[in-house]
Amino acid sequence: MAENSYTYSNQDVGQGRGVYISTYGCQMNVNDSDRMYALLEMQNFTPVQTPEEASLILVNSCSIREKAVHKVYSEVGTFRKLKEKNPDLKIGVGGCVGQQEKDNLIKNQPMIDFVFGTDQIDNLPNLVAEAYTQKGKIVSAKFEHRAPYHVETLVKNPGVATFVNIAKGCDNFCTFCVVPYTRGREKSRPHQHILTDIRHLIKRGVKEVTLLGQNVNSYNDEHGTDFADLMAKVALETDIERIRFTTSHPKDFNQKLADTMARHNDKIMEYVHLPFQSGSTRILERMNRNYTREQYLEKIEMLKRSIPNLVLSTDIIVGFPGETEEDFMDTVNLVKEARFETIFAFKYSPRPFTKAAKFEDQVDEDVKTERLNRLFDEHDKMAFELVKAYEGQVMKILVEKTDREFGKVQGRSTSNKLVHFMGSPDLIGKTVDVKITKAFPAVFRGELVQ
């Protein structure tokens, strides 16, 4: 396993101090926060549950939508009183907002001590050491474009199911998306490193991994291993019980990958998250998505032929610049035609650096809101009908944790359905048969089959 290139100048930076990380955004951010905690624990910081207990607060932020950026400024503002009570408190902002805003954060929020970009996570111990020993603010947001993506998966408590980063960055430059500017260009980890990480996680009790990347199925490492090859290697060369992945790009989802999923369906789950963003070919072209409505639907048909029990979810943007009522109805009709059991839909939000932010035909906010609500209403009708078919079925559930209600546990089916049922904590980590008694779009309830 290759080590990162950073050396840490002070191995006891933390001196037992508490560290609190506020995380929001995609699964990649969640995974990054796990890495931050692990790196800082090596420097003798102690994770705490609330900002009030902390001597170091990190905000690991998302910038995919405008509201998320505003949330960073708002949240940092709430730490003012903590800083007044404890002058030793250090506040850092990372993630995509840290990468995107850089100097603006330091300028506009005097309480922030340091800002670090998405390529500087492994340098975090050094940045924190500087924050405690030097006067002045620190900004470290340089992209390491030429450095290979050689990292080790660092998760303190991976639990039953966890994430494994296999790639980062994106080369697609969709006109609405800030990711290429906040995460950099695409890089893939060597497949041997990924396999080693998964084997180590298995020894720690992990039963399921989700392979992560901004555009996960464009994975291609320095040895020529593509994503389908990697999936096959994980299935054949490790003892992991379940394999998932997110997020896929339709243009990179090919027959080879579908065949690999079908061939290894004992381990690779039949759930696919495949964002289509808009059902209008005209809007897709303006988005620079590199496929048409017809080509997307052909991918869906190909997947359904290869994986008969396929379960689909998707991402949708409503109110993209220039979207007409006809374009919007193309989106609604595509949702119905593909029969997505789950959708994640959002109003278009202009982001800095992106081409779409400069388009002059922006859609009014009230029109976006009305269309989004209409889309959810249309999907809800279909979703309730689709999940009714699960009632009475017996599903294989990997039990992940205890439920909030006494005597209950929860886990996920192979189709990624969250299921709650009566059971004891000793079931955690086991795969059990559960009969579904009630199915809702977001959650199922069931009974353990003895």
Protein backbone atom coordinates (compact mmCIF):
# COMPACT_ATOMS: atom_id res chain seq x y z
CA MET A 1 0.00 0.00 0.00
CA ALA A 2 1.49 3.31 -1.04
CA GLU A 3 1.80 5.96 1.64
CA ASN A 4 0.90 9.58 1.09
CA SER A 5 3.71 12.05 0.52
CA TYR A 6 3.14 14.10 3.66
CA THR A 7 5.28 13.87 6.78
CA TYR A 8 3.85 15.13 10.03
CA SER A 9 6.01 17.48 12.05
CA ASN A 10 4.34 17.01 15.42
CA GLN A 11 2.94 13.62 16.36
CA ASP A 12 1.16 15.02 19.47
CA VAL A 13 -0.52 18.04 17.93
CA GLY A 14 -3.82 17.15 19.53
CA GLN A 15 -2.61 16.71 23.13
CA GLY A 16 -5.93 14.98 23.79
CA ARG A 17 -7.99 17.93 22.52
CA GLY A 18 -11.49 17.25 21.21
CA VAL A 19 -12.25 17.43 17.48
CA TYR A 20 -15.72 17.82 15.99
CA ILE A 21 -16.41 17.53 12.25
CA SER A 22 -19.66 18.82 10.75
CA THR A 23 -20.31 16.96 7.50
CA TYR A 24 -22.85 17.46 4.78
CA GLY A 25 -23.01 16.60 1.11
CA CYS A 26 -22.38 13.44 -0.87
CA GLN A 27 -21.05 10.05 0.24
CA MET A 28 -17.58 11.22 -0.77
CA ASN A 29 -17.75 13.92 1.91
CA VAL A 30 -18.83 11.38 4.51
CA ASN A 31 -15.88 9.19 3.52
CA ASP A 32 -13.54 12.19 3.64
CA SER A 33 -14.68 13.02 7.19
CA ASP A 34 -13.90 9.46 8.28
CA ARG A 35 -10.42 9.98 6.86
CA MET A 36 -10.02 13.30 8.68
CA TYR A 37 -10.98 11.76 12.01
CA ALA A 38 -8.52 8.89 11.49
CA LEU A 39 -5.65 11.23 10.56
CA LEU A 40 -6.31 13.50 13.52
CA GLU A 41 -6.63 10.63 15.99
CA MET A 42 -3.12 9.62 14.92
CA GLN A 43 -2.09 13.11 16.12
CA ASN A 44 -3.79 12.57 19.53
CA PHE A 45 -7.08 14.38 18.89
CA THR A 46 -10.18 12.84 20.48
CA PRO A 47 -13.48 12.79 18.52
CA VAL A 48 -16.34 14.47 20.39
CA GLN A 49 -20.07 14.56 19.78
CA THR A 50 -20.78 18.31 19.97
CA PRO A 51 -19.00 21.54 18.96
CA GLU A 52 -19.15 22.69 22.59
CA GLU A 53 -16.76 19.89 23.60
CA ALA A 54 -14.24 20.62 20.86
CA SER A 55 -10.97 22.52 20.67
CA LEU A 56 -10.89 21.92 16.91
CA ILE A 57 -13.98 22.27 14.69
CA LEU A 58 -13.93 21.31 11.02
CA VAL A 59 -16.73 22.00 8.55
CA ASN A 60 -16.54 19.48 5.69
CA SER A 61 -18.77 21.14 3.18
CA CYS A 62 -20.63 20.65 -0.08
CA SER A 63 -20.99 23.24 -2.83
CA ILE A 64 -23.13 21.39 -5.36
CA ARG A 65 -25.99 23.81 -4.62
CA GLU A 66 -25.99 27.44 -3.55
CA LYS A 67 -27.81 26.78 -0.27
CA ALA A 68 -24.99 24.49 0.87
CA VAL A 69 -22.48 27.33 0.54
CA HIS A 70 -24.73 29.65 2.53
CA LYS A 71 -25.00 26.94 5.18
CA VAL A 72 -21.24 27.02 5.73
CA TYR A 73 -21.25 30.76 6.42
CA SER A 74 -24.26 30.37 8.69
CA GLU A 75 -22.82 27.44 10.62
CA VAL A 76 -19.45 29.09 11.17
CA GLY A 77 -21.32 32.12 12.48
CA THR A 78 -22.93 29.98 15.18
CA PHE A 79 -19.46 29.15 16.54
CA ARG A 80 -18.77 32.81 17.45
CA LYS A 81 -19.73 32.40 21.10
CA LEU A 82 -17.65 29.23 21.40
CA LYS A 83 -14.64 31.10 20.06
CA GLU A 84 -15.21 33.93 22.55
CA LYS A 85 -15.34 31.47 25.45
CA ASN A 86 -12.34 29.47 24.23
CA PRO A 87 -9.66 31.53 22.43
CA ASP A 88 -7.74 28.27 21.86
CA LEU A 89 -10.55 26.96 19.63
CA LYS A 90 -9.48 26.50 16.02
CA ILE A 91 -11.98 26.42 13.15
CA GLY A 92 -11.21 25.02 9.71
CA VAL A 93 -13.34 24.69 6.57
CA GLY A 94 -12.69 21.99 4.01
CA GLY A 95 -14.56 20.05 1.37
CA CYS A 96 -15.83 21.55 -1.86
CA VAL A 97 -16.73 24.90 -0.31
CA GLY A 98 -13.20 25.19 1.07
CA GLN A 99 -11.84 24.45 -2.40
CA GLN A 100 -14.22 26.82 -4.15
CA GLU A 101 -14.34 29.78 -1.77
CA LYS A 102 -10.72 29.74 -0.52
CA ASP A 103 -9.72 33.33 0.26
CA ASN A 104 -13.33 34.54 0.45
CA LEU A 105 -13.94 32.40 3.53
CA ILE A 106 -10.97 33.87 5.36
CA LYS A 107 -11.93 37.38 4.27
CA ASN A 108 -15.63 37.15 5.13
CA GLN A 109 -15.46 34.97 8.25
CA PRO A 110 -12.78 36.19 10.66
CA MET A 111 -13.42 33.27 13.01
CA ILE A 112 -12.02 30.78 10.47
CA ASP A 113 -8.38 29.90 11.16
CA PHE A 114 -7.64 27.79 8.11
CA VAL A 115 -9.17 26.60 4.85
CA PHE A 116 -8.14 23.43 3.04
CA GLY A 117 -9.11 21.98 -0.33
CA THR A 118 -10.21 18.50 -1.33
CA ASP A 119 -6.68 17.52 -2.39
CA GLN A 120 -5.20 18.60 0.95
CA ILE A 121 -6.97 16.22 3.34
CA ASP A 122 -3.86 14.12 3.94
CA ASN A 123 -1.98 17.32 4.83
CA LEU A 124 -4.55 18.13 7.52
CA PRO A 125 -2.32 17.22 10.53
CA ASN A 126 0.31 19.69 9.32
CA LEU A 127 -2.27 22.41 8.68
CA VAL A 128 -3.72 21.95 12.17
CA ALA A 129 -0.21 22.06 13.68
CA GLU A 130 0.42 25.34 11.85
CA ALA A 131 -2.89 26.74 13.06
CA TYR A 132 -1.91 26.07 16.68
CA THR A 133 1.69 27.28 16.43
CA GLN A 134 1.60 30.19 13.97
CA LYS A 135 -0.16 33.52 13.89
CA GLY A 136 -2.23 34.39 10.86
CA LYS A 137 -4.66 32.56 8.63
CA ILE A 138 -3.84 29.54 6.46
CA VAL A 139 -5.20 28.67 3.02
CA SER A 140 -4.15 25.38 1.44
CA ALA A 141 -6.23 24.51 -1.63
CA LYS A 142 -3.72 23.46 -4.26
CA PHE A 143 -4.63 20.57 -6.56
CA GLU A 144 -1.99 17.85 -6.82
CA HIS A 145 -2.69 17.26 -10.52
CA ARG A 146 0.39 15.18 -11.27
CA ALA A 147 0.46 13.14 -8.09
CA PRO A 148 -0.97 9.60 -8.40
CA TYR A 149 -4.08 8.79 -6.39
CA HIS A 150 -2.44 6.50 -3.83
CA VAL A 151 -4.25 6.57 -0.49
CA GLU A 152 -5.30 4.05 2.11
CA THR A 153 -8.92 3.72 3.23
CA LEU A 154 -9.04 5.11 6.76
CA VAL A 155 -12.26 4.43 8.66
CA LYS A 156 -12.25 4.23 12.45
CA ASN A 157 -15.53 2.34 12.88
CA PRO A 158 -16.49 0.90 9.48
CA GLY A 159 -19.41 -1.09 10.84
CA VAL A 160 -21.11 -3.69 8.68
CA ALA A 161 -21.24 -1.58 5.51
CA THR A 162 -18.79 1.12 4.48
CA PHE A 163 -17.48 3.20 1.57
CA VAL A 164 -14.25 2.71 -0.36
CA ASN A 165 -13.01 5.52 -2.59
CA ILE A 166 -11.80 4.17 -5.93
CA ALA A 167 -11.61 7.40 -7.95
CA LYS A 168 -11.93 11.12 -7.50
CA GLY A 169 -12.55 14.15 -9.68
CA CYS A 170 -14.44 14.43 -12.94
CA ASP A 171 -13.54 15.21 -16.56
CA ASN A 172 -17.07 15.59 -17.92
CA PHE A 173 -17.62 19.33 -17.30
CA CYS A 174 -21.40 19.22 -17.30
CA THR A 175 -22.43 22.85 -17.66
CA PHE A 176 -24.30 22.86 -14.31
CA CYS A 177 -21.68 21.10 -12.19
CA VAL A 178 -18.90 22.57 -10.07
CA VAL A 179 -17.23 19.21 -9.25
CA PRO A 180 -14.37 19.49 -11.80
CA TYR A 181 -13.46 22.78 -10.15
CA THR A 182 -13.78 21.58 -6.55
CA ARG A 183 -12.56 17.98 -6.89
CA GLY A 184 -10.19 18.33 -9.84
CA ARG A 185 -9.60 16.04 -12.79
CA GLU A 186 -10.34 12.32 -12.72
CA LYS A 187 -7.87 10.00 -11.01
CA SER A 188 -8.24 6.30 -10.29
CA ARG A 189 -6.57 4.34 -7.51
CA PRO A 190 -4.58 1.22 -8.48
CA HIS A 191 -6.87 -1.80 -8.23
CA GLN A 192 -4.36 -3.67 -6.02
CA HIS A 193 -4.67 -0.94 -3.37
CA ILE A 194 -8.46 -1.17 -3.45
CA LEU A 195 -8.42 -4.95 -3.08
CA THR A 196 -5.98 -4.67 -0.15
CA ASP A 197 -8.21 -2.13 1.57
CA ILE A 198 -11.28 -4.32 1.16
CA ARG A 199 -9.47 -7.37 2.56
CA HIS A 200 -8.43 -5.31 5.60
CA LEU A 201 -12.00 -4.09 6.07
CA ILE A 202 -13.32 -7.65 5.92
CA LYS A 203 -11.02 -8.57 8.81
CA ARG A 204 -12.64 -5.74 10.76
CA GLY A 205 -16.12 -7.16 10.25
CA VAL A 206 -17.23 -5.35 7.08
CA LYS A 207 -19.71 -7.36 4.99
CA GLU A 208 -20.59 -4.78 2.32
CA VAL A 209 -18.62 -2.12 0.47
CA THR A 210 -19.84 0.70 -1.73
CA LEU A 211 -17.25 1.71 -4.32
CA LEU A 212 -17.21 5.50 -4.56
CA GLY A 213 -16.36 8.02 -7.25
CA GLN A 214 -17.84 11.18 -8.71
CA ASN A 215 -18.07 9.22 -11.96
CA VAL A 216 -17.41 5.75 -10.64
CA ASN A 217 -17.89 3.75 -13.82
CA SER A 218 -15.26 5.72 -15.72
CA TYR A 219 -12.68 4.14 -13.39
CA ASN A 220 -9.53 3.13 -15.25
CA ASP A 221 -6.31 2.62 -13.35
CA GLU A 222 -2.70 2.87 -14.46
CA HIS A 223 -2.65 -0.86 -15.31
CA GLY A 224 -5.62 -0.61 -17.71
CA THR A 225 -8.15 -2.11 -15.31
CA ASP A 226 -11.59 -0.63 -16.07
CA PHE A 227 -14.58 -0.54 -13.76
CA ALA A 228 -16.09 -3.84 -14.93
CA ASP A 229 -12.69 -5.50 -14.42
CA LEU A 230 -12.42 -4.01 -10.94
CA MET A 231 -15.89 -5.22 -9.98
CA ALA A 232 -15.02 -8.73 -11.12
CA LYS A 233 -11.77 -8.66 -9.15
CA VAL A 234 -13.53 -7.51 -5.97
CA ALA A 235 -16.11 -10.29 -6.41
CA LEU A 236 -13.59 -13.04 -7.17
CA GLU A 237 -10.50 -12.04 -5.22
CA THR A 238 -11.99 -10.94 -1.89
CA ASP A 239 -14.43 -12.50 0.57
CA ILE A 240 -16.70 -9.47 0.69
CA GLU A 241 -20.36 -10.48 0.79
CA ARG A 242 -21.96 -7.51 -0.97
CA ILE A 243 -20.75 -4.93 -3.51
CA ARG A 244 -22.46 -1.66 -4.42
CA PHE A 245 -21.26 1.42 -6.30
CA THR A 246 -22.17 5.07 -6.84
CA THR A 247 -22.42 7.36 -8.78
CA SER A 248 -22.57 6.17 -12.41
CA HIS A 249 -22.63 8.25 -15.58
CA PRO A 250 -24.95 6.93 -18.33
CA LYS A 251 -22.37 7.46 -21.09
CA ASP A 252 -19.96 5.05 -19.35
CA PHE A 253 -22.49 2.33 -18.49
CA ASN A 254 -21.82 -0.33 -21.12
CA GLN A 255 -22.78 -3.93 -21.83
CA LYS A 256 -19.53 -5.23 -20.33
CA LEU A 257 -20.41 -3.71 -16.95
CA ALA A 258 -24.00 -5.01 -17.09
CA ASP A 259 -22.72 -8.49 -17.96
CA THR A 260 -20.25 -8.36 -15.07
CA MET A 261 -23.05 -7.45 -12.67
CA ALA A 262 -25.17 -10.32 -13.98
CA ARG A 263 -22.29 -12.81 -13.86
CA HIS A 264 -21.48 -11.98 -10.25
CA ASN A 265 -25.00 -11.36 -9.00
CA ASP A 266 -24.27 -13.41 -5.89
CA LYS A 267 -22.16 -10.47 -4.70
CA ILE A 268 -22.92 -7.42 -6.86
CA MET A 269 -26.25 -5.94 -5.86
CA GLU A 270 -28.98 -5.37 -8.46
CA TYR A 271 -29.48 -1.73 -7.43
CA VAL A 272 -28.24 0.93 -9.88
CA HIS A 273 -28.26 4.68 -9.35
CA LEU A 274 -28.10 6.23 -12.83
CA PRO A 275 -28.67 10.02 -12.99
CA PHE A 276 -30.39 11.25 -16.15
CA GLN A 277 -30.82 14.90 -15.00
CA SER A 278 -33.31 15.83 -17.76
CA GLY A 279 -35.69 13.93 -20.03
CA SER A 280 -35.28 16.46 -22.82
CA THR A 281 -32.58 15.84 -25.42
CA ARG A 282 -32.38 19.57 -26.05
CA ILE A 283 -31.68 20.28 -22.38
CA LEU A 284 -29.27 17.34 -22.12
CA GLU A 285 -27.24 18.88 -24.93
CA ARG A 286 -27.15 22.22 -23.10
CA MET A 287 -26.04 20.33 -19.99
CA ASN A 288 -23.19 18.67 -21.95
CA ARG A 289 -24.31 15.23 -20.77
CA ASN A 290 -23.15 13.46 -23.96
CA TYR A 291 -26.27 11.31 -24.44
CA THR A 292 -29.80 11.81 -25.71
CA ARG A 293 -33.11 10.88 -24.15
CA GLU A 294 -33.31 7.89 -26.49
CA GLN A 295 -29.79 6.72 -25.68
CA TYR A 296 -30.51 6.90 -21.95
CA LEU A 297 -33.63 4.79 -22.33
CA GLU A 298 -31.65 2.30 -24.44
CA LYS A 299 -29.20 1.97 -21.51
CA ILE A 300 -32.12 1.26 -19.18
CA GLU A 301 -33.48 -1.41 -21.51
CA MET A 302 -30.02 -2.98 -21.80
CA LEU A 303 -29.71 -3.09 -18.02
CA LYS A 304 -33.16 -4.62 -17.58
CA ARG A 305 -32.37 -7.33 -20.16
CA SER A 306 -29.10 -8.17 -18.40
CA ILE A 307 -30.38 -7.87 -14.82
CA PRO A 308 -34.04 -8.97 -14.67
CA ASN A 309 -34.50 -7.95 -11.01
CA LEU A 310 -32.91 -4.51 -11.55
CA VAL A 311 -33.93 -1.68 -9.20
CA LEU A 312 -33.30 1.87 -10.37
CA SER A 313 -32.89 5.29 -8.81
CA THR A 314 -31.82 8.56 -10.40
CA ASP A 315 -30.93 12.24 -10.02
CA ILE A 316 -32.96 14.98 -11.73
CA ILE A 317 -32.47 18.72 -12.14
CA VAL A 318 -35.65 20.78 -12.56
CA GLY A 319 -35.65 24.29 -14.01
CA PHE A 320 -32.35 24.19 -15.89
CA PRO A 321 -31.85 27.38 -17.94
CA GLY A 322 -34.11 27.36 -20.99
CA GLU A 323 -36.30 24.50 -19.74
CA THR A 324 -39.81 24.84 -21.18
CA GLU A 325 -42.99 23.15 -20.01
CA GLU A 326 -42.52 20.65 -22.84
CA ASP A 327 -38.96 19.89 -21.69
CA PHE A 328 -40.20 19.40 -18.15
CA MET A 329 -42.93 17.01 -19.27
CA ASP A 330 -40.27 15.00 -21.12
CA THR A 331 -38.62 14.58 -17.72
CA VAL A 332 -41.86 13.52 -16.02
CA ASN A 333 -42.62 11.03 -18.79
CA LEU A 334 -39.11 9.54 -18.67
CA VAL A 335 -39.54 8.92 -14.93
CA LYS A 336 -42.75 7.04 -15.67
CA GLU A 337 -41.25 5.10 -18.58
CA ALA A 338 -38.11 4.00 -16.70
CA ARG A 339 -40.17 3.30 -13.54
CA PHE A 340 -37.64 4.56 -11.03
CA GLU A 341 -38.47 3.38 -7.54
CA THR A 342 -36.52 6.30 -6.05
CA ILE A 343 -35.71 9.76 -7.41
CA PHE A 344 -33.50 12.52 -6.03
CA ALA A 345 -34.68 15.75 -7.63
CA PHE A 346 -33.47 19.31 -7.11
CA LYS A 347 -34.07 22.78 -8.44
CA TYR A 348 -31.28 24.06 -10.67
CA SER A 349 -28.85 26.22 -8.72
CA PRO A 350 -26.28 28.39 -10.56
CA ARG A 351 -22.75 27.57 -9.44
CA PRO A 352 -19.57 29.63 -9.83
CA PHE A 353 -17.27 28.80 -12.78
CA THR A 354 -19.95 26.79 -14.60
CA LYS A 355 -21.19 27.66 -18.10
CA ALA A 356 -24.87 27.33 -17.19
CA ALA A 357 -24.57 30.09 -14.59
CA LYS A 358 -23.91 32.49 -17.49
CA PHE A 359 -26.89 31.37 -19.59
CA GLU A 360 -29.30 34.26 -19.98
CA ASP A 361 -32.53 32.25 -20.06
CA GLN A 362 -32.66 31.38 -16.35
CA VAL A 363 -35.98 29.92 -15.15
CA ASP A 364 -37.92 31.87 -12.50
CA GLU A 365 -37.62 30.47 -8.99
CA ASP A 366 -41.37 30.07 -8.53
CA VAL A 367 -41.57 28.06 -11.77
CA LYS A 368 -38.77 25.78 -10.56
CA THR A 369 -40.57 25.22 -7.26
CA GLU A 370 -43.90 24.46 -8.93
CA ARG A 371 -42.30 21.98 -11.35
CA LEU A 372 -40.32 20.25 -8.62
CA ASN A 373 -43.44 19.77 -6.51
CA ARG A 374 -45.32 18.46 -9.53
CA LEU A 375 -42.54 15.99 -10.29
CA PHE A 376 -42.56 14.66 -6.73
CA ASP A 377 -46.36 14.33 -6.80
CA GLU A 378 -46.24 12.35 -10.06
CA HIS A 379 -43.47 10.09 -8.80
CA ASP A 380 -45.14 9.48 -5.43
CA LYS A 381 -48.17 7.97 -7.18
CA MET A 382 -45.97 5.54 -9.07
CA ALA A 383 -43.60 4.80 -6.18
CA PHE A 384 -46.36 3.66 -3.83
CA GLU A 385 -47.66 1.32 -6.54
CA LEU A 386 -44.20 -0.10 -7.30
CA VAL A 387 -43.31 -0.93 -3.70
CA LYS A 388 -46.61 -2.69 -3.01
CA ALA A 389 -45.22 -5.60 -5.03
CA TYR A 390 -42.68 -6.21 -2.25
CA GLU A 391 -45.31 -6.88 0.39
CA GLY A 392 -45.40 -10.57 1.23
CA GLN A 393 -41.96 -11.20 -0.29
CA VAL A 394 -39.12 -12.71 1.73
CA MET A 395 -35.95 -10.63 1.30
CA LYS A 396 -32.33 -11.19 2.28
CA ILE A 397 -31.49 -8.43 4.76
CA LEU A 398 -27.98 -7.60 5.93
CA VAL A 399 -28.54 -6.30 9.46
CA GLU A 400 -26.53 -3.12 10.02
CA LYS A 401 -27.58 -1.65 13.37
CA THR A 402 -30.19 -1.43 16.07
CA ASP A 403 -33.27 0.68 15.44
CA ARG A 404 -34.28 3.63 17.58
CA GLU A 405 -37.28 1.69 18.81
CA PHE A 406 -36.59 -0.87 21.50
CA GLY A 407 -36.29 -4.43 20.21
CA LYS A 408 -35.89 -3.49 16.56
CA VAL A 409 -33.02 -3.71 14.12
CA GLN A 410 -32.56 -2.41 10.58
CA GLY A 411 -30.70 -3.44 7.48
CA ARG A 412 -30.81 -3.32 3.70
CA SER A 413 -32.00 -5.71 1.07
CA THR A 414 -29.97 -6.54 -2.03
CA SER A 415 -32.17 -3.96 -3.81
CA ASN A 416 -31.10 -1.29 -1.29
CA LYS A 417 -34.39 -1.15 0.57
CA LEU A 418 -34.14 -0.07 4.21
CA VAL A 419 -36.04 -2.59 6.32
CA HIS A 420 -36.99 -2.36 10.02
CA PHE A 421 -38.04 -5.45 11.98
CA MET A 422 -38.07 -6.95 15.47
CA GLY A 423 -34.74 -8.58 16.28
CA SER A 424 -31.90 -8.68 18.78
CA PRO A 425 -28.57 -6.82 18.46
CA ASP A 426 -26.70 -10.10 17.97
CA LEU A 427 -28.14 -10.18 14.43
CA ILE A 428 -25.91 -7.25 13.41
CA GLY A 429 -23.57 -8.36 10.63
CA LYS A 430 -25.72 -11.32 9.69
CA THR A 431 -27.86 -11.80 6.58
CA VAL A 432 -31.34 -13.00 7.51
CA ASP A 433 -34.65 -13.71 5.80
CA VAL A 434 -37.31 -11.10 6.47
CA LYS A 435 -40.90 -11.17 5.22
CA ILE A 436 -42.07 -7.69 4.18
CA THR A 437 -45.32 -6.77 5.90
CA LYS A 438 -45.60 -3.11 4.86
CA ALA A 439 -43.80 -1.27 2.08
CA PHE A 440 -43.44 2.49 1.74
CA PRO A 441 -41.23 4.21 -0.84
CA ALA A 442 -38.58 5.18 1.72
CA VAL A 443 -38.73 2.30 4.20
CA PHE A 444 -40.08 -1.24 4.61
CA ARG A 445 -41.31 -3.03 7.72
CA GLY A 446 -41.04 -6.76 8.08
CA GLU A 447 -40.95 -9.88 10.23
CA LEU A 448 -37.95 -12.10 10.81
CA VAL A 449 -38.46 -15.54 9.23
CA GLN A 450 -37.41 -18.06 11.85
